[in-house]
Amino acid sequence: MSANPKAQVQPKANEIHLVRLYDAPVEMVWDAWTDPAQAAQWWGPRGFTLTTHSKDLSVGGTWRYTMHGPDGTDYPNIATYHEIEQYKKLVYDHGATELTPPLFRVTVLFSTVGKKTQMEMTMALATAEAAAETRKFIKQAGGDSTWDRFAEYLAEQIDHKERFVINRSFAAPIDVMYDMWTQAEHISTWLPPTGFTMSFNRADIRVGGSSFYLMTNGSSENNVTMYGRAAYLEMDRPNRLVYAQQFCDAHENISRHPMAPTWPETMLTTVLFTEEADDRTRVTVTWEPHGAVTAEELEVFMQARGGMTMGWTGSFDKLEAQLETA
């Protein structure tokens, strides 16, 4: 994915608004949205599965489906379509059941941006208070990971590559966000996993440069110490950052993850910064195995997406808190 223009729609207080840009033509994005068999591959937060009972993609038609949570809880849903413009627009009510009314109305706009597709979604609720509560619920349930899973699904269809994608919108200007990712004194405060500290032995953060760092949980009973290094491949301020990471030992010899010996040796991280407003930036992280990868390593990576979501979410929470106190 790549940086996209600021959203043209200014949401109202009772609306939840999001924009994503996908590396796929609009026809493919539309079909993946509207075909139940494809939707079953990505719809819902991480760990959820989907069963479609019936679907009538027409004005007045319904999509009846059940989302199955990882804890076994079922979430029935009846979506009713109000507007359909092929490859351009969907308007539908979301969250109804046989006994309860819809929770909100969804408008999805699809537009071509170069060779990519911009998806702009607005969820309209009855009141601003209802929107605020729904935002909290979506965050707690990991609902935004639906759109990350969609990016992963499209990448697999087009490039036949397995990737991990995660987005977060931060209340900070784009230049500030870029600095948080490219200055060692900032990176070390928020990037390490929850419970760990990070220090740099070397921080030559420039194209062609590299860093060498240490992460530790400082526990006297169950101490975990991890060394790593990163090689910086692309730096396009303030829009894009690409670097390759490897675990290593104290002498900077390549090693493996201390708790996952079959984790891929090299990971490629692509970070995109998208200006959503003058004081708001969306960060999109794409993570993928890089170089020679065995089938076993790729399978370990694919099965670890839930854990990766938790890890990046913890780091993003720390970054958000750091921005609030800056």
C-alpha atoms as a PDB file:
ATOM      1  CA  MET A   1       0.000   0.000   0.000  1.00  0.00           C
ATOM      2  CA  SER A   2       1.025   3.578  -0.450  1.00  0.00           C
ATOM      3  CA  ALA A   3       0.226   6.986   0.937  1.00  0.00           C
ATOM      4  CA  ASN A   4      -3.128   8.356  -0.173  1.00  0.00           C
ATOM      5  CA  PRO A   5      -4.611  11.869  -0.329  1.00  0.00           C
ATOM      6  CA  LYS A   6      -6.408  13.321   2.654  1.00  0.00           C
ATOM      7  CA  ALA A   7      -9.987  12.151   2.863  1.00  0.00           C
ATOM      8  CA  GLN A   8     -12.395  14.508   1.136  1.00  0.00           C
ATOM      9  CA  VAL A   9     -15.232  13.749   3.546  1.00  0.00           C
ATOM     10  CA  GLN A  10     -15.211  15.537   6.899  1.00  0.00           C
ATOM     11  CA  PRO A  11     -17.066  13.222   9.292  1.00  0.00           C
ATOM     12  CA  LYS A  12     -19.821  14.511  11.532  1.00  0.00           C
ATOM     13  CA  ALA A  13     -19.813  13.958  15.284  1.00  0.00           C
ATOM     14  CA  ASN A  14     -22.098  10.930  14.947  1.00  0.00           C
ATOM     15  CA  GLU A  15     -19.914   9.297  12.271  1.00  0.00           C
ATOM     16  CA  ILE A  16     -16.905   7.002  12.259  1.00  0.00           C
ATOM     17  CA  HIS A  17     -14.722   7.458   9.218  1.00  0.00           C
ATOM     18  CA  LEU A  18     -11.791   5.522   7.815  1.00  0.00           C
ATOM     19  CA  VAL A  19      -9.810   5.446   4.577  1.00  0.00           C
ATOM     20  CA  ARG A  20      -7.596   2.664   3.218  1.00  0.00           C
ATOM     21  CA  LEU A  21      -5.631   2.364  -0.008  1.00  0.00           C
ATOM     22  CA  TYR A  22      -5.174  -1.114  -1.451  1.00  0.00           C
ATOM     23  CA  ASP A  23      -2.653  -2.332  -4.016  1.00  0.00           C
ATOM     24  CA  ALA A  24      -5.346  -3.819  -6.228  1.00  0.00           C
ATOM     25  CA  PRO A  25      -7.649  -2.691  -9.055  1.00  0.00           C
ATOM     26  CA  VAL A  26     -11.108  -1.537  -8.044  1.00  0.00           C
ATOM     27  CA  GLU A  27     -12.785  -4.518  -9.727  1.00  0.00           C
ATOM     28  CA  MET A  28     -10.806  -6.934  -7.557  1.00  0.00           C
ATOM     29  CA  VAL A  29     -11.488  -4.950  -4.385  1.00  0.00           C
ATOM     30  CA  TRP A  30     -15.207  -4.807  -5.173  1.00  0.00           C
ATOM     31  CA  ASP A  31     -15.441  -8.523  -5.918  1.00  0.00           C
ATOM     32  CA  ALA A  32     -13.585  -9.418  -2.713  1.00  0.00           C
ATOM     33  CA  TRP A  33     -16.110  -7.289  -0.813  1.00  0.00           C
ATOM     34  CA  THR A  34     -19.256  -8.636  -2.444  1.00  0.00           C
ATOM     35  CA  ASP A  35     -18.424 -12.315  -3.051  1.00  0.00           C
ATOM     36  CA  PRO A  36     -19.288 -14.274   0.140  1.00  0.00           C
ATOM     37  CA  ALA A  37     -16.643 -16.919  -0.589  1.00  0.00           C
ATOM     38  CA  GLN A  38     -13.921 -14.266  -0.744  1.00  0.00           C
ATOM     39  CA  ALA A  39     -15.311 -12.283   2.204  1.00  0.00           C
ATOM     40  CA  ALA A  40     -15.026 -15.432   4.313  1.00  0.00           C
ATOM     41  CA  GLN A  41     -11.250 -15.252   3.869  1.00  0.00           C
ATOM     42  CA  TRP A  42     -10.837 -11.847   5.538  1.00  0.00           C
ATOM     43  CA  TRP A  43     -14.036 -10.392   7.010  1.00  0.00           C
ATOM     44  CA  GLY A  44     -13.915  -9.672  10.744  1.00  0.00           C
ATOM     45  CA  PRO A  45     -11.231  -9.104  13.387  1.00  0.00           C
ATOM     46  CA  ARG A  46      -8.260 -11.456  13.609  1.00  0.00           C
ATOM     47  CA  GLY A  47      -9.231 -14.863  14.894  1.00  0.00           C
ATOM     48  CA  PHE A  48     -12.829 -14.592  13.656  1.00  0.00           C
ATOM     49  CA  THR A  49     -14.408 -16.779  10.985  1.00  0.00           C
ATOM     50  CA  LEU A  50     -17.501 -16.175   8.875  1.00  0.00           C
ATOM     51  CA  THR A  51     -20.482 -18.247   7.726  1.00  0.00           C
ATOM     52  CA  THR A  52     -22.794 -16.767   5.073  1.00  0.00           C
ATOM     53  CA  HIS A  53     -26.351 -18.079   5.174  1.00  0.00           C
ATOM     54  CA  SER A  54     -27.688 -16.080   2.220  1.00  0.00           C
ATOM     55  CA  LYS A  55     -26.782 -13.035   0.170  1.00  0.00           C
ATOM     56  CA  ASP A  56     -28.851 -10.941  -2.241  1.00  0.00           C
ATOM     57  CA  LEU A  57     -26.700  -8.093  -3.524  1.00  0.00           C
ATOM     58  CA  SER A  58     -29.540  -5.847  -4.703  1.00  0.00           C
ATOM     59  CA  VAL A  59     -31.316  -2.761  -3.390  1.00  0.00           C
ATOM     60  CA  GLY A  60     -33.549  -4.055  -0.604  1.00  0.00           C
ATOM     61  CA  GLY A  61     -31.652  -7.349  -0.520  1.00  0.00           C
ATOM     62  CA  THR A  62     -29.886  -8.729   2.525  1.00  0.00           C
ATOM     63  CA  TRP A  63     -26.676 -10.462   3.511  1.00  0.00           C
ATOM     64  CA  ARG A  64     -27.325 -12.832   6.394  1.00  0.00           C
ATOM     65  CA  TYR A  65     -24.207 -14.131   8.081  1.00  0.00           C
ATOM     66  CA  THR A  66     -22.730 -15.185  11.406  1.00  0.00           C
ATOM     67  CA  MET A  67     -19.326 -14.178  12.678  1.00  0.00           C
ATOM     68  CA  HIS A  68     -17.694 -16.743  14.960  1.00  0.00           C
ATOM     69  CA  GLY A  69     -15.396 -15.353  17.635  1.00  0.00           C
ATOM     70  CA  PRO A  70     -12.208 -17.148  18.699  1.00  0.00           C
ATOM     71  CA  ASP A  71     -13.855 -17.872  22.059  1.00  0.00           C
ATOM     72  CA  GLY A  72     -16.763 -19.645  20.351  1.00  0.00           C
ATOM     73  CA  THR A  73     -19.259 -16.767  20.610  1.00  0.00           C
ATOM     74  CA  ASP A  74     -21.489 -16.321  17.563  1.00  0.00           C
ATOM     75  CA  TYR A  75     -22.477 -12.884  16.275  1.00  0.00           C
ATOM     76  CA  PRO A  76     -25.449 -13.039  13.868  1.00  0.00           C
ATOM     77  CA  ASN A  77     -25.845 -10.150  11.448  1.00  0.00           C
ATOM     78  CA  ILE A  78     -28.339  -9.033   8.830  1.00  0.00           C
ATOM     79  CA  ALA A  79     -27.100  -6.355   6.446  1.00  0.00           C
ATOM     80  CA  THR A  80     -29.724  -4.651   4.267  1.00  0.00           C
ATOM     81  CA  TYR A  81     -28.596  -2.887   1.078  1.00  0.00           C
ATOM     82  CA  HIS A  82     -29.929   0.572   0.208  1.00  0.00           C
ATOM     83  CA  GLU A  83     -27.605   1.721  -2.598  1.00  0.00           C
ATOM     84  CA  ILE A  84     -25.400  -0.269  -4.975  1.00  0.00           C
ATOM     85  CA  GLU A  85     -23.224   1.262  -7.689  1.00  0.00           C
ATOM     86  CA  GLN A  86     -20.922  -1.413  -9.025  1.00  0.00           C
ATOM     87  CA  TYR A  87     -17.234  -0.644  -8.395  1.00  0.00           C
ATOM     88  CA  LYS A  88     -18.196   2.701  -6.833  1.00  0.00           C
ATOM     89  CA  LYS A  89     -20.539   2.637  -3.848  1.00  0.00           C
ATOM     90  CA  LEU A  90     -22.300   0.478  -1.248  1.00  0.00           C
ATOM     91  CA  VAL A  91     -24.786   1.746   1.343  1.00  0.00           C
ATOM     92  CA  TYR A  92     -26.196  -0.726   3.839  1.00  0.00           C
ATOM     93  CA  ASP A  93     -27.474  -1.096   7.393  1.00  0.00           C
ATOM     94  CA  HIS A  94     -25.209  -3.121   9.673  1.00  0.00           C
ATOM     95  CA  GLY A  95     -25.725  -5.074  12.866  1.00  0.00           C
ATOM     96  CA  ALA A  96     -29.386  -6.085  12.727  1.00  0.00           C
ATOM     97  CA  THR A  97     -30.635  -9.466  13.909  1.00  0.00           C
ATOM     98  CA  GLU A  98     -34.022 -11.144  13.643  1.00  0.00           C
ATOM     99  CA  LEU A  99     -34.983  -9.438  16.923  1.00  0.00           C
ATOM    100  CA  THR A 100     -33.004  -6.180  16.971  1.00  0.00           C
ATOM    101  CA  PRO A 101     -32.672  -3.169  14.624  1.00  0.00           C
ATOM    102  CA  PRO A 102     -29.458  -2.159  12.811  1.00  0.00           C
ATOM    103  CA  LEU A 103     -26.666  -0.573  14.811  1.00  0.00           C
ATOM    104  CA  PHE A 104     -25.601   1.918  12.132  1.00  0.00           C
ATOM    105  CA  ARG A 105     -25.630   2.720   8.415  1.00  0.00           C
ATOM    106  CA  VAL A 106     -22.473   2.183   6.374  1.00  0.00           C
ATOM    107  CA  THR A 107     -21.453   4.047   3.223  1.00  0.00           C
ATOM    108  CA  VAL A 108     -18.455   2.664   1.340  1.00  0.00           C
ATOM    109  CA  LEU A 109     -16.932   4.553  -1.593  1.00  0.00           C
ATOM    110  CA  PHE A 110     -14.467   2.878  -3.956  1.00  0.00           C
ATOM    111  CA  SER A 111     -12.258   4.997  -6.216  1.00  0.00           C
ATOM    112  CA  THR A 112      -9.226   4.431  -8.416  1.00  0.00           C
ATOM    113  CA  VAL A 113      -5.956   6.108  -7.405  1.00  0.00           C
ATOM    114  CA  GLY A 114      -3.391   5.265 -10.058  1.00  0.00           C
ATOM    115  CA  LYS A 115      -3.222   1.461 -10.077  1.00  0.00           C
ATOM    116  CA  LYS A 116      -4.617   1.238  -6.568  1.00  0.00           C
ATOM    117  CA  THR A 117      -8.065   1.444  -4.982  1.00  0.00           C
ATOM    118  CA  GLN A 118      -9.083   3.827  -2.232  1.00  0.00           C
ATOM    119  CA  MET A 119     -11.792   2.580   0.099  1.00  0.00           C
ATOM    120  CA  GLU A 120     -13.514   5.320   2.086  1.00  0.00           C
ATOM    121  CA  MET A 121     -15.980   4.151   4.720  1.00  0.00           C
ATOM    122  CA  THR A 122     -18.403   6.149   6.873  1.00  0.00           C
ATOM    123  CA  MET A 123     -20.433   4.557   9.677  1.00  0.00           C
ATOM    124  CA  ALA A 124     -23.328   6.797  10.748  1.00  0.00           C
ATOM    125  CA  LEU A 125     -24.839   6.266  14.195  1.00  0.00           C
ATOM    126  CA  ALA A 126     -27.817   7.874  15.875  1.00  0.00           C
ATOM    127  CA  THR A 127     -25.808  10.192  18.137  1.00  0.00           C
ATOM    128  CA  ALA A 128     -22.278  11.401  18.798  1.00  0.00           C
ATOM    129  CA  GLU A 129     -22.357   9.475  22.077  1.00  0.00           C
ATOM    130  CA  ALA A 130     -23.249   6.257  20.258  1.00  0.00           C
ATOM    131  CA  ALA A 131     -20.382   6.856  17.832  1.00  0.00           C
ATOM    132  CA  ALA A 132     -17.931   7.359  20.705  1.00  0.00           C
ATOM    133  CA  GLU A 133     -19.036   4.112  22.362  1.00  0.00           C
ATOM    134  CA  THR A 134     -18.796   2.231  19.072  1.00  0.00           C
ATOM    135  CA  ARG A 135     -15.260   3.541  18.504  1.00  0.00           C
ATOM    136  CA  LYS A 136     -14.287   2.124  21.904  1.00  0.00           C
ATOM    137  CA  PHE A 137     -15.934  -1.204  21.128  1.00  0.00           C
ATOM    138  CA  ILE A 138     -14.229  -1.468  17.722  1.00  0.00           C
ATOM    139  CA  LYS A 139     -10.839  -0.755  19.301  1.00  0.00           C
ATOM    140  CA  GLN A 140     -11.350  -3.274  22.111  1.00  0.00           C
ATOM    141  CA  ALA A 141     -12.571  -5.946  19.691  1.00  0.00           C
ATOM    142  CA  GLY A 142      -9.757  -5.305  17.235  1.00  0.00           C
ATOM    143  CA  GLY A 143     -12.291  -4.452  14.571  1.00  0.00           C
ATOM    144  CA  ASP A 144      -9.890  -2.347  12.529  1.00  0.00           C
ATOM    145  CA  SER A 145      -7.830  -5.480  11.881  1.00  0.00           C
ATOM    146  CA  THR A 146     -10.562  -6.453   9.404  1.00  0.00           C
ATOM    147  CA  TRP A 147      -9.116  -3.943   6.945  1.00  0.00           C
ATOM    148  CA  ASP A 148      -5.579  -5.153   7.642  1.00  0.00           C
ATOM    149  CA  ARG A 149      -6.689  -8.716   6.894  1.00  0.00           C
ATOM    150  CA  PHE A 150      -8.219  -7.412   3.673  1.00  0.00           C
ATOM    151  CA  ALA A 151      -4.848  -5.973   2.615  1.00  0.00           C
ATOM    152  CA  GLU A 152      -3.174  -9.304   3.392  1.00  0.00           C
ATOM    153  CA  TYR A 153      -5.801 -11.204   1.411  1.00  0.00           C
ATOM    154  CA  LEU A 154      -5.385  -8.973  -1.651  1.00  0.00           C
ATOM    155  CA  ALA A 155      -1.571  -9.235  -1.454  1.00  0.00           C
ATOM    156  CA  GLU A 156      -1.809 -13.016  -1.444  1.00  0.00           C
ATOM    157  CA  GLN A 157      -4.147 -12.972  -4.438  1.00  0.00           C
ATOM    158  CA  ILE A 158      -1.996 -10.578  -6.490  1.00  0.00           C
ATOM    159  CA  ASP A 159       1.599 -11.192  -5.421  1.00  0.00           C
ATOM    160  CA  HIS A 160       1.208 -14.680  -3.933  1.00  0.00           C
ATOM    161  CA  LYS A 161       3.011 -13.384  -0.864  1.00  0.00           C
ATOM    162  CA  GLU A 162       2.100 -13.736   2.791  1.00  0.00           C
ATOM    163  CA  ARG A 163       2.256 -10.433   4.665  1.00  0.00           C
ATOM    164  CA  PHE A 164       1.188  -8.986   7.976  1.00  0.00           C
ATOM    165  CA  VAL A 165      -0.453  -5.547   7.930  1.00  0.00           C
ATOM    166  CA  ILE A 166      -1.509  -3.259  10.771  1.00  0.00           C
ATOM    167  CA  ASN A 167      -2.776   0.340  10.782  1.00  0.00           C
ATOM    168  CA  ARG A 168      -3.181   2.929  13.524  1.00  0.00           C
ATOM    169  CA  SER A 169      -4.258   6.561  13.289  1.00  0.00           C
ATOM    170  CA  PHE A 170      -2.379   8.925  15.620  1.00  0.00           C
ATOM    171  CA  ALA A 171      -3.194  12.476  16.729  1.00  0.00           C
ATOM    172  CA  ALA A 172       0.079  13.968  15.493  1.00  0.00           C
ATOM    173  CA  PRO A 173       1.374  15.770  12.389  1.00  0.00           C
ATOM    174  CA  ILE A 174       3.040  13.585   9.773  1.00  0.00           C
ATOM    175  CA  ASP A 175       6.536  15.041  10.342  1.00  0.00           C
ATOM    176  CA  VAL A 176       6.306  14.289  14.058  1.00  0.00           C
ATOM    177  CA  MET A 177       5.282  10.704  13.330  1.00  0.00           C
ATOM    178  CA  TYR A 178       8.188  10.262  10.923  1.00  0.00           C
ATOM    179  CA  ASP A 179      10.597  11.474  13.620  1.00  0.00           C
ATOM    180  CA  MET A 180       9.152   9.005  16.126  1.00  0.00           C
ATOM    181  CA  TRP A 181      10.180   6.184  13.770  1.00  0.00           C
ATOM    182  CA  THR A 182      13.590   7.479  12.690  1.00  0.00           C
ATOM    183  CA  GLN A 183      15.221   8.986  15.789  1.00  0.00           C
ATOM    184  CA  ALA A 184      16.780   6.534  18.222  1.00  0.00           C
ATOM    185  CA  GLU A 185      15.785   8.429  21.371  1.00  0.00           C
ATOM    186  CA  HIS A 186      12.132   8.113  20.352  1.00  0.00           C
ATOM    187  CA  ILE A 187      12.203   4.578  18.939  1.00  0.00           C
ATOM    188  CA  SER A 188      13.660   3.120  22.133  1.00  0.00           C
ATOM    189  CA  THR A 189      10.805   4.439  24.279  1.00  0.00           C
ATOM    190  CA  TRP A 190       7.864   2.876  22.422  1.00  0.00           C
ATOM    191  CA  LEU A 191       8.954   0.153  19.980  1.00  0.00           C
ATOM    192  CA  PRO A 192      10.036  -2.677  22.334  1.00  0.00           C
ATOM    193  CA  PRO A 193       7.420  -5.239  23.421  1.00  0.00           C
ATOM    194  CA  THR A 194       5.434  -4.450  26.543  1.00  0.00           C
ATOM    195  CA  GLY A 195       7.608  -5.127  29.586  1.00  0.00           C
ATOM    196  CA  PHE A 196      10.872  -4.702  27.676  1.00  0.00           C
ATOM    197  CA  THR A 197      13.370  -1.856  27.470  1.00  0.00           C
ATOM    198  CA  MET A 198      15.468  -1.015  24.421  1.00  0.00           C
ATOM    199  CA  SER A 199      18.885   0.565  23.990  1.00  0.00           C
ATOM    200  CA  PHE A 200      20.969   1.220  20.886  1.00  0.00           C
ATOM    201  CA  ASN A 201      24.607   0.206  20.605  1.00  0.00           C
ATOM    202  CA  ARG A 202      24.599   1.835  17.170  1.00  0.00           C
ATOM    203  CA  ALA A 203      21.979   4.019  15.511  1.00  0.00           C
ATOM    204  CA  ASP A 204      23.073   5.059  12.025  1.00  0.00           C
ATOM    205  CA  ILE A 205      19.557   5.629  10.729  1.00  0.00           C
ATOM    206  CA  ARG A 206      19.957   6.632   7.078  1.00  0.00           C
ATOM    207  CA  VAL A 207      19.738   4.894   3.714  1.00  0.00           C
ATOM    208  CA  GLY A 208      22.663   2.471   3.662  1.00  0.00           C
ATOM    209  CA  GLY A 209      23.109   2.784   7.428  1.00  0.00           C
ATOM    210  CA  SER A 210      22.220   0.297  10.150  1.00  0.00           C
ATOM    211  CA  SER A 211      21.379   0.012  13.816  1.00  0.00           C
ATOM    212  CA  PHE A 212      22.346  -2.524  16.471  1.00  0.00           C
ATOM    213  CA  TYR A 213      20.194  -2.726  19.574  1.00  0.00           C
ATOM    214  CA  LEU A 214      19.408  -4.643  22.730  1.00  0.00           C
ATOM    215  CA  MET A 215      16.008  -5.463  24.198  1.00  0.00           C
ATOM    216  CA  THR A 216      15.569  -6.975  27.655  1.00  0.00           C
ATOM    217  CA  ASN A 217      12.759  -7.541  30.136  1.00  0.00           C
ATOM    218  CA  GLY A 218      15.121  -7.028  33.067  1.00  0.00           C
ATOM    219  CA  SER A 219      13.602  -9.912  35.001  1.00  0.00           C
ATOM    220  CA  SER A 220      15.767 -11.568  37.642  1.00  0.00           C
ATOM    221  CA  GLU A 221      13.749 -14.807  37.470  1.00  0.00           C
ATOM    222  CA  ASN A 222      12.969 -15.134  33.754  1.00  0.00           C
ATOM    223  CA  ASN A 223      15.392 -12.834  32.002  1.00  0.00           C
ATOM    224  CA  VAL A 224      15.007 -12.497  28.248  1.00  0.00           C
ATOM    225  CA  THR A 225      17.666 -10.616  26.318  1.00  0.00           C
ATOM    226  CA  MET A 226      17.420 -10.092  22.580  1.00  0.00           C
ATOM    227  CA  TYR A 227      19.899  -8.424  20.249  1.00  0.00           C
ATOM    228  CA  GLY A 228      18.865  -7.229  16.830  1.00  0.00           C
ATOM    229  CA  ARG A 229      19.980  -5.170  13.902  1.00  0.00           C
ATOM    230  CA  ALA A 230      18.225  -3.204  11.185  1.00  0.00           C
ATOM    231  CA  ALA A 231      19.476  -2.139   7.756  1.00  0.00           C
ATOM    232  CA  TYR A 232      17.758   0.935   6.304  1.00  0.00           C
ATOM    233  CA  LEU A 233      16.803   0.508   2.652  1.00  0.00           C
ATOM    234  CA  GLU A 234      14.452   3.419   1.892  1.00  0.00           C
ATOM    235  CA  MET A 235      13.753   6.703   3.686  1.00  0.00           C
ATOM    236  CA  ASP A 236      11.385   9.087   1.947  1.00  0.00           C
ATOM    237  CA  ARG A 237      10.547  11.737   4.523  1.00  0.00           C
ATOM    238  CA  PRO A 238       7.791  12.011   5.645  1.00  0.00           C
ATOM    239  CA  ASN A 239       5.958   9.304   3.687  1.00  0.00           C
ATOM    240  CA  ARG A 240       7.863   6.024   3.677  1.00  0.00           C
ATOM    241  CA  LEU A 241      10.420   3.999   5.629  1.00  0.00           C
ATOM    242  CA  VAL A 242      11.738   0.531   4.699  1.00  0.00           C
ATOM    243  CA  TYR A 243      14.216  -1.536   6.697  1.00  0.00           C
ATOM    244  CA  ALA A 244      15.270  -5.170   7.107  1.00  0.00           C
ATOM    245  CA  GLN A 245      15.619  -6.711  10.575  1.00  0.00           C
ATOM    246  CA  GLN A 246      17.474  -9.719  11.945  1.00  0.00           C
ATOM    247  CA  PHE A 247      18.056 -11.190  15.367  1.00  0.00           C
ATOM    248  CA  CYS A 248      21.709 -11.495  16.291  1.00  0.00           C
ATOM    249  CA  ASP A 249      24.003 -12.196  19.229  1.00  0.00           C
ATOM    250  CA  ALA A 250      26.021  -9.736  21.319  1.00  0.00           C
ATOM    251  CA  HIS A 251      28.734  -9.740  18.641  1.00  0.00           C
ATOM    252  CA  GLU A 252      26.228  -9.001  15.859  1.00  0.00           C
ATOM    253  CA  ASN A 253      26.366 -12.488  14.386  1.00  0.00           C
ATOM    254  CA  ILE A 254      23.023 -13.546  12.893  1.00  0.00           C
ATOM    255  CA  SER A 255      20.971 -15.745  15.201  1.00  0.00           C
ATOM    256  CA  ARG A 256      17.311 -16.666  15.589  1.00  0.00           C
ATOM    257  CA  HIS A 257      14.466 -15.487  17.799  1.00  0.00           C
ATOM    258  CA  PRO A 258      15.306 -16.822  21.291  1.00  0.00           C
ATOM    259  CA  MET A 259      11.746 -18.134  21.746  1.00  0.00           C
ATOM    260  CA  ALA A 260      10.977 -19.089  18.127  1.00  0.00           C
ATOM    261  CA  PRO A 261      13.907 -20.858  16.437  1.00  0.00           C
ATOM    262  CA  THR A 262      11.949 -21.364  13.195  1.00  0.00           C
ATOM    263  CA  TRP A 263      11.029 -17.700  12.845  1.00  0.00           C
ATOM    264  CA  PRO A 264      12.243 -16.297   9.468  1.00  0.00           C
ATOM    265  CA  GLU A 265      15.834 -15.062   9.614  1.00  0.00           C
ATOM    266  CA  THR A 266      15.130 -11.702   7.955  1.00  0.00           C
ATOM    267  CA  MET A 267      11.982  -9.585   8.138  1.00  0.00           C
ATOM    268  CA  LEU A 268      11.229  -6.647   5.857  1.00  0.00           C
ATOM    269  CA  THR A 269       9.344  -3.757   7.469  1.00  0.00           C
ATOM    270  CA  THR A 270       7.615  -1.115   5.338  1.00  0.00           C
ATOM    271  CA  VAL A 271       6.106   1.848   7.174  1.00  0.00           C
ATOM    272  CA  LEU A 272       3.823   4.273   5.336  1.00  0.00           C
ATOM    273  CA  PHE A 273       2.747   7.599   6.817  1.00  0.00           C
ATOM    274  CA  THR A 274      -0.518   9.058   5.507  1.00  0.00           C
ATOM    275  CA  GLU A 275      -1.638  12.582   6.420  1.00  0.00           C
ATOM    276  CA  GLU A 276      -5.322  12.302   7.328  1.00  0.00           C
ATOM    277  CA  ALA A 277      -5.460  15.910   8.606  1.00  0.00           C
ATOM    278  CA  ASP A 278      -2.926  18.554   9.597  1.00  0.00           C
ATOM    279  CA  ASP A 279      -2.744  17.052  13.091  1.00  0.00           C
ATOM    280  CA  ARG A 280      -3.548  13.380  12.353  1.00  0.00           C
ATOM    281  CA  THR A 281      -1.447  10.688  10.694  1.00  0.00           C
ATOM    282  CA  ARG A 282      -2.223   7.081   9.868  1.00  0.00           C
ATOM    283  CA  VAL A 283       0.674   4.655  10.121  1.00  0.00           C
ATOM    284  CA  THR A 284       0.560   1.469   8.045  1.00  0.00           C
ATOM    285  CA  VAL A 285       3.080  -1.237   8.886  1.00  0.00           C
ATOM    286  CA  THR A 286       3.628  -4.126   6.477  1.00  0.00           C
ATOM    287  CA  TRP A 287       5.796  -6.972   7.730  1.00  0.00           C
ATOM    288  CA  GLU A 288       6.947  -9.880   5.597  1.00  0.00           C
ATOM    289  CA  PRO A 289       9.652 -12.563   5.472  1.00  0.00           C
ATOM    290  CA  HIS A 290      12.555 -11.448   3.279  1.00  0.00           C
ATOM    291  CA  GLY A 291      15.124 -13.394   1.310  1.00  0.00           C
ATOM    292  CA  ALA A 292      15.379 -17.176   1.576  1.00  0.00           C
ATOM    293  CA  VAL A 293      12.469 -18.575   3.586  1.00  0.00           C
ATOM    294  CA  THR A 294      11.611 -22.220   4.209  1.00  0.00           C
ATOM    295  CA  ALA A 295       8.067 -23.583   4.104  1.00  0.00           C
ATOM    296  CA  GLU A 296       8.242 -24.199   7.864  1.00  0.00           C
ATOM    297  CA  GLU A 297       9.338 -20.617   8.551  1.00  0.00           C
ATOM    298  CA  LEU A 298       6.560 -19.221   6.351  1.00  0.00           C
ATOM    299  CA  GLU A 299       3.977 -21.326   8.167  1.00  0.00           C
ATOM    300  CA  VAL A 300       5.254 -20.081  11.548  1.00  0.00           C
ATOM    301  CA  PHE A 301       4.934 -16.513  10.292  1.00  0.00           C
ATOM    302  CA  MET A 302       1.384 -17.069   9.006  1.00  0.00           C
ATOM    303  CA  GLN A 303       0.232 -18.657  12.251  1.00  0.00           C
ATOM    304  CA  ALA A 304       1.728 -15.822  14.326  1.00  0.00           C
ATOM    305  CA  ARG A 305      -0.406 -12.970  12.938  1.00  0.00           C
ATOM    306  CA  GLY A 306      -2.577 -12.841  16.054  1.00  0.00           C
ATOM    307  CA  GLY A 307       0.489 -12.517  18.269  1.00  0.00           C
ATOM    308  CA  MET A 308       1.980  -9.913  15.944  1.00  0.00           C
ATOM    309  CA  THR A 309      -1.221  -7.883  16.237  1.00  0.00           C
ATOM    310  CA  MET A 310      -0.947  -7.974  20.028  1.00  0.00           C
ATOM    311  CA  GLY A 311       2.725  -7.032  19.947  1.00  0.00           C
ATOM    312  CA  TRP A 312       2.331  -4.098  17.573  1.00  0.00           C
ATOM    313  CA  THR A 313      -0.801  -2.941  19.403  1.00  0.00           C
ATOM    314  CA  GLY A 314       1.151  -2.794  22.660  1.00  0.00           C
ATOM    315  CA  SER A 315       3.904  -0.759  20.995  1.00  0.00           C
ATOM    316  CA  PHE A 316       1.366   1.543  19.335  1.00  0.00           C
ATOM    317  CA  ASP A 317      -0.348   2.099  22.689  1.00  0.00           C
ATOM    318  CA  LYS A 318       2.986   3.237  24.127  1.00  0.00           C
ATOM    319  CA  LEU A 319       3.580   5.486  21.127  1.00  0.00           C
ATOM    320  CA  GLU A 320       0.126   7.018  21.544  1.00  0.00           C
ATOM    321  CA  ALA A 321       0.794   7.673  25.237  1.00  0.00           C
ATOM    322  CA  GLN A 322       4.165   9.217  24.434  1.00  0.00           C
ATOM    323  CA  LEU A 323       2.568  11.582  21.923  1.00  0.00           C
ATOM    324  CA  GLU A 324      -0.033  12.652  24.482  1.00  0.00           C
ATOM    325  CA  THR A 325       2.666  13.687  26.961  1.00  0.00           C
ATOM    326  CA  ALA A 326       4.960  15.332  24.408  1.00  0.00           C
END
